[in-house]
Full PDB file with SEQRES, HELIX, SHEET, SSBOND, CRYST1, ORIGX, SCALE, CONECT and MASTER records, all heavy atoms in Angstrom:
SEQRES   1 A   30  VAL LEU LYS ALA GLN ASP ILE ASN LYS ALA GLY TRP PHE          
SEQRES   2 A   30  SER PHE GLY MET ARG SER THR PHE SER ALA PHE SER ASP          
SEQRES   3 A   30  ASP GLY THR GLY                                              
CRYST1    1.000    1.000    1.000  90.00  90.00  90.00 P 1           1          
ORIGX1      1.000000  0.000000  0.000000        0.00000                         
ORIGX2      0.000000  1.000000  0.000000        0.00000                         
ORIGX3      0.000000  0.000000  1.000000        0.00000                         
SCALE1      1.000000  0.000000  0.000000        0.00000                         
SCALE2      0.000000  1.000000  0.000000        0.00000                         
SCALE3      0.000000  0.000000  1.000000        0.00000                         
ATOM      1  N   VAL A   1     -18.098  13.384   0.466  1.00  0.00           N  
ATOM      2  CA  VAL A   1     -18.419  12.653   1.779  1.00  0.00           C  
ATOM      3  C   VAL A   1     -17.392  13.084   2.826  1.00  0.00           C  
ATOM      4  O   VAL A   1     -17.622  13.303   3.986  1.00  0.00           O  
ATOM      5  CB  VAL A   1     -18.330  11.121   1.566  1.00  0.00           C  
ATOM      6  CG1 VAL A   1     -18.331  10.345   2.874  1.00  0.00           C  
ATOM      7  CG2 VAL A   1     -19.471  10.645   0.765  1.00  0.00           C  
ATOM      8  N   LEU A   2     -16.064  13.158   2.431  1.00  0.00           N  
ATOM      9  CA  LEU A   2     -15.075  13.503   3.278  1.00  0.00           C  
ATOM     10  C   LEU A   2     -15.195  14.987   3.793  1.00  0.00           C  
ATOM     11  O   LEU A   2     -14.897  15.263   4.987  1.00  0.00           O  
ATOM     12  CB  LEU A   2     -13.671  13.341   2.700  1.00  0.00           C  
ATOM     13  CG  LEU A   2     -13.124  11.866   2.531  1.00  0.00           C  
ATOM     14  CD1 LEU A   2     -11.932  11.873   1.591  1.00  0.00           C  
ATOM     15  CD2 LEU A   2     -12.869  11.283   3.879  1.00  0.00           C  
ATOM     16  N   LYS A   3     -15.679  15.854   2.899  1.00  0.00           N  
ATOM     17  CA  LYS A   3     -15.923  17.237   3.392  1.00  0.00           C  
ATOM     18  C   LYS A   3     -17.087  17.329   4.422  1.00  0.00           C  
ATOM     19  O   LYS A   3     -16.975  18.117   5.225  1.00  0.00           O  
ATOM     20  CB  LYS A   3     -16.268  18.071   2.094  1.00  0.00           C  
ATOM     21  CG  LYS A   3     -14.904  18.580   1.343  1.00  0.00           C  
ATOM     22  CD  LYS A   3     -15.378  19.551   0.373  1.00  0.00           C  
ATOM     23  CE  LYS A   3     -14.162  20.291  -0.299  1.00  0.00           C  
ATOM     24  NZ  LYS A   3     -14.510  21.307  -1.261  1.00  0.00           N  
ATOM     25  N   ALA A   4     -18.062  16.419   4.120  1.00  0.00           N  
ATOM     26  CA  ALA A   4     -19.213  16.545   5.032  1.00  0.00           C  
ATOM     27  C   ALA A   4     -19.109  15.886   6.360  1.00  0.00           C  
ATOM     28  O   ALA A   4     -19.833  16.192   7.277  1.00  0.00           O  
ATOM     29  CB  ALA A   4     -20.389  15.875   4.245  1.00  0.00           C  
ATOM     30  N   GLN A   5     -18.067  14.878   6.465  1.00  0.00           N  
ATOM     31  CA  GLN A   5     -17.953  14.149   7.728  1.00  0.00           C  
ATOM     32  C   GLN A   5     -16.567  14.435   8.371  1.00  0.00           C  
ATOM     33  O   GLN A   5     -15.687  14.727   7.696  1.00  0.00           O  
ATOM     34  CB  GLN A   5     -18.081  12.744   7.292  1.00  0.00           C  
ATOM     35  CG  GLN A   5     -19.314  12.258   6.627  1.00  0.00           C  
ATOM     36  CD  GLN A   5     -20.541  12.355   7.567  1.00  0.00           C  
ATOM     37  OE1 GLN A   5     -20.304  12.214   8.751  1.00  0.00           O  
ATOM     38  NE2 GLN A   5     -21.682  12.573   6.923  1.00  0.00           N  
ATOM     39  N   ASP A   6     -16.494  14.229   9.705  1.00  0.00           N  
ATOM     40  CA  ASP A   6     -15.345  14.426  10.385  1.00  0.00           C  
ATOM     41  C   ASP A   6     -14.793  12.951  10.744  1.00  0.00           C  
ATOM     42  O   ASP A   6     -15.356  12.295  11.536  1.00  0.00           O  
ATOM     43  CB  ASP A   6     -15.606  15.127  11.735  1.00  0.00           C  
ATOM     44  CG  ASP A   6     -14.309  15.370  12.408  1.00  0.00           C  
ATOM     45  OD1 ASP A   6     -13.249  14.915  11.997  1.00  0.00           O  
ATOM     46  OD2 ASP A   6     -14.384  16.116  13.502  1.00  0.00           O  
ATOM     47  N   ILE A   7     -13.721  12.587   9.948  1.00  0.00           N  
ATOM     48  CA  ILE A   7     -13.275  11.255  10.157  1.00  0.00           C  
ATOM     49  C   ILE A   7     -12.420  11.105  11.337  1.00  0.00           C  
ATOM     50  O   ILE A   7     -11.905   9.960  11.702  1.00  0.00           O  
ATOM     51  CB  ILE A   7     -12.452  10.791   8.895  1.00  0.00           C  
ATOM     52  CG1 ILE A   7     -11.327  11.691   8.677  1.00  0.00           C  
ATOM     53  CG2 ILE A   7     -13.406  10.768   7.657  1.00  0.00           C  
ATOM     54  CD1 ILE A   7     -10.475  11.306   7.498  1.00  0.00           C  
ATOM     55  N   ASN A   8     -12.132  12.160  12.057  1.00  0.00           N  
ATOM     56  CA  ASN A   8     -11.146  12.104  13.150  1.00  0.00           C  
ATOM     57  C   ASN A   8     -11.949  12.216  14.542  1.00  0.00           C  
ATOM     58  O   ASN A   8     -11.461  12.732  15.454  1.00  0.00           O  
ATOM     59  CB  ASN A   8     -10.123  13.160  13.105  1.00  0.00           C  
ATOM     60  CG  ASN A   8      -8.753  12.702  12.839  1.00  0.00           C  
ATOM     61  OD1 ASN A   8      -8.613  11.510  12.459  1.00  0.00           O  
ATOM     62  ND2 ASN A   8      -7.741  13.395  13.037  1.00  0.00           N  
ATOM     63  N   LYS A   9     -13.085  11.686  14.602  1.00  0.00           N  
ATOM     64  CA  LYS A   9     -13.820  11.675  15.808  1.00  0.00           C  
ATOM     65  C   LYS A   9     -13.363  10.576  16.649  1.00  0.00           C  
ATOM     66  O   LYS A   9     -13.172   9.420  16.186  1.00  0.00           O  
ATOM     67  CB  LYS A   9     -15.317  11.615  15.571  1.00  0.00           C  
ATOM     68  CG  LYS A   9     -15.953  12.931  15.046  1.00  0.00           C  
ATOM     69  CD  LYS A   9     -17.453  12.751  14.893  1.00  0.00           C  
ATOM     70  CE  LYS A   9     -18.023  14.103  14.459  1.00  0.00           C  
ATOM     71  NZ  LYS A   9     -19.454  14.005  14.202  1.00  0.00           N  
ATOM     72  N   ALA A  10     -13.130  10.778  18.016  1.00  0.00           N  
ATOM     73  CA  ALA A  10     -12.675   9.802  18.923  1.00  0.00           C  
ATOM     74  C   ALA A  10     -13.613   8.579  19.042  1.00  0.00           C  
ATOM     75  O   ALA A  10     -14.796   8.680  18.900  1.00  0.00           O  
ATOM     76  CB  ALA A  10     -12.427  10.358  20.251  1.00  0.00           C  
ATOM     77  N   GLY A  11     -12.959   7.398  19.166  1.00  0.00           N  
ATOM     78  CA  GLY A  11     -13.746   6.214  19.500  1.00  0.00           C  
ATOM     79  C   GLY A  11     -13.778   5.188  18.368  1.00  0.00           C  
ATOM     80  O   GLY A  11     -14.258   4.126  18.489  1.00  0.00           O  
ATOM     81  N   TRP A  12     -13.251   5.648  17.148  1.00  0.00           N  
ATOM     82  CA  TRP A  12     -13.316   4.686  15.929  1.00  0.00           C  
ATOM     83  C   TRP A  12     -12.399   3.454  16.206  1.00  0.00           C  
ATOM     84  O   TRP A  12     -11.253   3.586  16.616  1.00  0.00           O  
ATOM     85  CB  TRP A  12     -12.940   5.371  14.636  1.00  0.00           C  
ATOM     86  CG  TRP A  12     -13.935   6.201  13.990  1.00  0.00           C  
ATOM     87  CD1 TRP A  12     -14.123   7.534  13.959  1.00  0.00           C  
ATOM     88  CD2 TRP A  12     -15.101   5.611  13.349  1.00  0.00           C  
ATOM     89  NE1 TRP A  12     -15.105   7.877  13.196  1.00  0.00           N  
ATOM     90  CE2 TRP A  12     -15.800   6.759  12.817  1.00  0.00           C  
ATOM     91  CE3 TRP A  12     -15.595   4.334  13.070  1.00  0.00           C  
ATOM     92  CZ2 TRP A  12     -17.020   6.516  12.093  1.00  0.00           C  
ATOM     93  CZ3 TRP A  12     -16.748   4.169  12.341  1.00  0.00           C  
ATOM     94  CH2 TRP A  12     -17.462   5.196  11.952  1.00  0.00           C  
ATOM     95  N   PHE A  13     -12.973   2.289  15.865  1.00  0.00           N  
ATOM     96  CA  PHE A  13     -12.186   1.025  15.847  1.00  0.00           C  
ATOM     97  C   PHE A  13     -11.963   0.622  14.353  1.00  0.00           C  
ATOM     98  O   PHE A  13     -12.954   0.626  13.608  1.00  0.00           O  
ATOM     99  CB  PHE A  13     -12.943  -0.150  16.581  1.00  0.00           C  
ATOM    100  CG  PHE A  13     -12.207  -1.375  16.543  1.00  0.00           C  
ATOM    101  CD1 PHE A  13     -11.399  -1.704  17.620  1.00  0.00           C  
ATOM    102  CD2 PHE A  13     -12.504  -2.213  15.504  1.00  0.00           C  
ATOM    103  CE1 PHE A  13     -10.796  -3.036  17.514  1.00  0.00           C  
ATOM    104  CE2 PHE A  13     -11.865  -3.555  15.427  1.00  0.00           C  
ATOM    105  CZ  PHE A  13     -10.947  -3.967  16.457  1.00  0.00           C  
ATOM    106  N   SER A  14     -10.752   0.579  14.015  1.00  0.00           N  
ATOM    107  CA  SER A  14     -10.349   0.146  12.660  1.00  0.00           C  
ATOM    108  C   SER A  14      -9.623  -1.255  12.591  1.00  0.00           C  
ATOM    109  O   SER A  14      -8.920  -1.505  13.605  1.00  0.00           O  
ATOM    110  CB  SER A  14      -9.442   1.170  11.973  1.00  0.00           C  
ATOM    111  OG  SER A  14     -10.080   2.388  12.071  1.00  0.00           O  
ATOM    112  N   PHE A  15      -9.830  -1.897  11.516  1.00  0.00           N  
ATOM    113  CA  PHE A  15      -9.041  -3.138  11.374  1.00  0.00           C  
ATOM    114  C   PHE A  15      -8.344  -3.107  10.012  1.00  0.00           C  
ATOM    115  O   PHE A  15      -8.949  -2.564   9.062  1.00  0.00           O  
ATOM    116  CB  PHE A  15      -9.975  -4.419  11.387  1.00  0.00           C  
ATOM    117  CG  PHE A  15      -9.284  -5.719  11.141  1.00  0.00           C  
ATOM    118  CD1 PHE A  15      -8.650  -6.230  12.158  1.00  0.00           C  
ATOM    119  CD2 PHE A  15      -9.354  -6.310   9.877  1.00  0.00           C  
ATOM    120  CE1 PHE A  15      -8.012  -7.532  11.970  1.00  0.00           C  
ATOM    121  CE2 PHE A  15      -8.661  -7.467   9.672  1.00  0.00           C  
ATOM    122  CZ  PHE A  15      -7.967  -8.152  10.777  1.00  0.00           C  
ATOM    123  N   GLY A  16      -7.123  -3.641   9.918  1.00  0.00           N  
ATOM    124  CA  GLY A  16      -6.424  -3.614   8.691  1.00  0.00           C  
ATOM    125  C   GLY A  16      -5.421  -4.696   8.416  1.00  0.00           C  
ATOM    126  O   GLY A  16      -5.065  -5.376   9.460  1.00  0.00           O  
ATOM    127  N   MET A  17      -4.901  -4.875   7.186  1.00  0.00           N  
ATOM    128  CA  MET A  17      -3.871  -5.809   6.843  1.00  0.00           C  
ATOM    129  C   MET A  17      -2.768  -5.008   6.385  1.00  0.00           C  
ATOM    130  O   MET A  17      -2.821  -3.874   5.804  1.00  0.00           O  
ATOM    131  CB  MET A  17      -4.463  -6.746   5.779  1.00  0.00           C  
ATOM    132  CG  MET A  17      -5.645  -7.513   6.143  1.00  0.00           C  
ATOM    133  SD  MET A  17      -5.410  -8.573   7.589  1.00  0.00           S  
ATOM    134  CE  MET A  17      -4.238  -9.720   6.962  1.00  0.00           C  
ATOM    135  N   ARG A  18      -1.482  -5.510   6.588  1.00  0.00           N  
ATOM    136  CA  ARG A  18      -0.304  -4.730   6.370  1.00  0.00           C  
ATOM    137  C   ARG A  18       0.743  -5.672   5.723  1.00  0.00           C  
ATOM    138  O   ARG A  18       0.851  -6.853   5.958  1.00  0.00           O  
ATOM    139  CB  ARG A  18       0.223  -4.105   7.533  1.00  0.00           C  
ATOM    140  CG  ARG A  18       0.411  -4.963   8.794  1.00  0.00           C  
ATOM    141  CD  ARG A  18       0.431  -4.187  10.154  1.00  0.00           C  
ATOM    142  NE  ARG A  18       1.847  -3.915  10.461  1.00  0.00           N  
ATOM    143  CZ  ARG A  18       2.164  -2.922  11.212  1.00  0.00           C  
ATOM    144  NH1 ARG A  18       1.271  -2.059  11.738  1.00  0.00           N  
ATOM    145  NH2 ARG A  18       3.457  -2.723  11.529  1.00  0.00           N  
ATOM    146  N   SER A  19       1.661  -4.906   4.980  1.00  0.00           N  
ATOM    147  CA  SER A  19       2.832  -5.606   4.471  1.00  0.00           C  
ATOM    148  C   SER A  19       4.036  -4.696   4.862  1.00  0.00           C  
ATOM    149  O   SER A  19       3.989  -3.465   4.673  1.00  0.00           O  
ATOM    150  CB  SER A  19       2.799  -5.752   2.868  1.00  0.00           C  
ATOM    151  OG  SER A  19       3.869  -6.434   2.431  1.00  0.00           O  
ATOM    152  N   THR A  20       5.165  -5.373   5.300  1.00  0.00           N  
ATOM    153  CA  THR A  20       6.340  -4.614   5.834  1.00  0.00           C  
ATOM    154  C   THR A  20       7.560  -5.037   5.139  1.00  0.00           C  
ATOM    155  O   THR A  20       7.819  -6.253   5.007  1.00  0.00           O  
ATOM    156  CB  THR A  20       6.416  -4.736   7.331  1.00  0.00           C  
ATOM    157  OG1 THR A  20       5.269  -4.398   8.009  1.00  0.00           O  
ATOM    158  CG2 THR A  20       7.610  -4.135   8.014  1.00  0.00           C  
ATOM    159  N   PHE A  21       8.280  -4.089   4.680  1.00  0.00           N  
ATOM    160  CA  PHE A  21       9.602  -4.290   4.130  1.00  0.00           C  
ATOM    161  C   PHE A  21      10.764  -3.820   5.100  1.00  0.00           C  
ATOM    162  O   PHE A  21      10.732  -2.808   5.681  1.00  0.00           O  
ATOM    163  CB  PHE A  21       9.811  -3.404   2.827  1.00  0.00           C  
ATOM    164  CG  PHE A  21      11.094  -3.483   2.248  1.00  0.00           C  
ATOM    165  CD1 PHE A  21      11.490  -4.631   1.456  1.00  0.00           C  
ATOM    166  CD2 PHE A  21      12.083  -2.557   2.357  1.00  0.00           C  
ATOM    167  CE1 PHE A  21      12.697  -4.805   0.916  1.00  0.00           C  
ATOM    168  CE2 PHE A  21      13.348  -2.612   1.719  1.00  0.00           C  
ATOM    169  CZ  PHE A  21      13.641  -3.714   0.981  1.00  0.00           C  
ATOM    170  N   SER A  22      11.678  -4.771   5.368  1.00  0.00           N  
ATOM    171  CA  SER A  22      12.715  -4.657   6.409  1.00  0.00           C  
ATOM    172  C   SER A  22      14.136  -4.317   5.614  1.00  0.00           C  
ATOM    173  O   SER A  22      14.349  -5.053   4.710  1.00  0.00           O  
ATOM    174  CB  SER A  22      12.913  -5.825   7.309  1.00  0.00           C  
ATOM    175  OG  SER A  22      13.946  -5.651   8.148  1.00  0.00           O  
ATOM    176  N   ALA A  23      14.732  -3.313   6.081  1.00  0.00           N  
ATOM    177  CA  ALA A  23      16.104  -2.988   5.444  1.00  0.00           C  
ATOM    178  C   ALA A  23      17.017  -2.400   6.479  1.00  0.00           C  
ATOM    179  O   ALA A  23      16.653  -2.100   7.605  1.00  0.00           O  
ATOM    180  CB  ALA A  23      15.830  -1.935   4.330  1.00  0.00           C  
ATOM    181  N   PHE A  24      18.320  -2.250   5.978  1.00  0.00           N  
ATOM    182  CA  PHE A  24      19.334  -1.709   6.853  1.00  0.00           C  
ATOM    183  C   PHE A  24      19.562  -2.499   8.171  1.00  0.00           C  
ATOM    184  O   PHE A  24      19.736  -1.859   9.180  1.00  0.00           O  
ATOM    185  CB  PHE A  24      19.007  -0.159   7.148  1.00  0.00           C  
ATOM    186  CG  PHE A  24      19.037   0.641   5.846  1.00  0.00           C  
ATOM    187  CD1 PHE A  24      17.814   1.027   5.341  1.00  0.00           C  
ATOM    188  CD2 PHE A  24      20.181   0.914   5.076  1.00  0.00           C  
ATOM    189  CE1 PHE A  24      17.799   1.781   4.229  1.00  0.00           C  
ATOM    190  CE2 PHE A  24      20.167   1.579   4.015  1.00  0.00           C  
ATOM    191  CZ  PHE A  24      18.916   2.103   3.465  1.00  0.00           C  
ATOM    192  N   SER A  25      19.465  -3.760   8.070  1.00  0.00           N  
ATOM    193  CA  SER A  25      19.887  -4.479   9.270  1.00  0.00           C  
ATOM    194  C   SER A  25      21.063  -5.481   8.872  1.00  0.00           C  
ATOM    195  O   SER A  25      21.338  -5.688   7.734  1.00  0.00           O  
ATOM    196  CB  SER A  25      18.683  -5.354   9.724  1.00  0.00           C  
ATOM    197  OG  SER A  25      18.429  -6.436   8.905  1.00  0.00           O  
ATOM    198  N   ASP A  26      21.657  -6.137   9.876  1.00  0.00           N  
ATOM    199  CA  ASP A  26      22.748  -7.111   9.599  1.00  0.00           C  
ATOM    200  C   ASP A  26      22.240  -8.371   8.928  1.00  0.00           C  
ATOM    201  O   ASP A  26      22.975  -8.967   8.208  1.00  0.00           O  
ATOM    202  CB  ASP A  26      23.398  -7.473  10.912  1.00  0.00           C  
ATOM    203  CG  ASP A  26      24.247  -6.382  11.561  1.00  0.00           C  
ATOM    204  OD1 ASP A  26      24.537  -5.386  10.906  1.00  0.00           O  
ATOM    205  OD2 ASP A  26      24.497  -6.485  12.749  1.00  0.00           O  
ATOM    206  N   ASP A  27      20.952  -8.510   8.950  1.00  0.00           N  
ATOM    207  CA  ASP A  27      20.278  -9.713   8.317  1.00  0.00           C  
ATOM    208  C   ASP A  27      20.100  -9.534   6.846  1.00  0.00           C  
ATOM    209  O   ASP A  27      19.830 -10.392   6.062  1.00  0.00           O  
ATOM    210  CB  ASP A  27      19.017 -10.185   8.988  1.00  0.00           C  
ATOM    211  CG  ASP A  27      19.254 -10.683  10.456  1.00  0.00           C  
ATOM    212  OD1 ASP A  27      20.355 -10.780  10.785  1.00  0.00           O  
ATOM    213  OD2 ASP A  27      18.256 -10.920  10.931  1.00  0.00           O  
ATOM    214  N   GLY A  28      20.099  -8.184   6.353  1.00  0.00           N  
ATOM    215  CA  GLY A  28      19.822  -7.984   4.962  1.00  0.00           C  
ATOM    216  C   GLY A  28      18.455  -7.420   4.776  1.00  0.00           C  
ATOM    217  O   GLY A  28      17.854  -6.790   5.739  1.00  0.00           O  
ATOM    218  N   THR A  29      17.669  -7.671   3.684  1.00  0.00           N  
ATOM    219  CA  THR A  29      16.361  -7.156   3.473  1.00  0.00           C  
ATOM    220  C   THR A  29      15.426  -8.301   3.283  1.00  0.00           C  
ATOM    221  O   THR A  29      15.725  -9.473   2.879  1.00  0.00           O  
ATOM    222  CB  THR A  29      16.363  -6.296   2.068  1.00  0.00           C  
ATOM    223  OG1 THR A  29      16.803  -7.155   1.060  1.00  0.00           O  
ATOM    224  CG2 THR A  29      17.339  -5.160   2.278  1.00  0.00           C  
ATOM    225  N   GLY A  30      14.129  -8.072   3.630  1.00  0.00           N  
ATOM    226  CA  GLY A  30      13.144  -9.032   3.544  1.00  0.00           C  
ATOM    227  C   GLY A  30      11.754  -8.344   3.635  1.00  0.00           C  
ATOM    228  O   GLY A  30      11.643  -7.154   3.939  1.00  0.00           O  
TER     229      GLY A  30                                                      
MASTER        0    0    0    0    0    0    0    6  228    1    0    3          
END                                                                             
């Protein structure tokens, strides 16, 4: 499917969920 389609065509709207790890700050890690 990826070979047959161009996933980088302009105009796509994507939605996502994320998890972030914070480090190297005075507050520590979280």
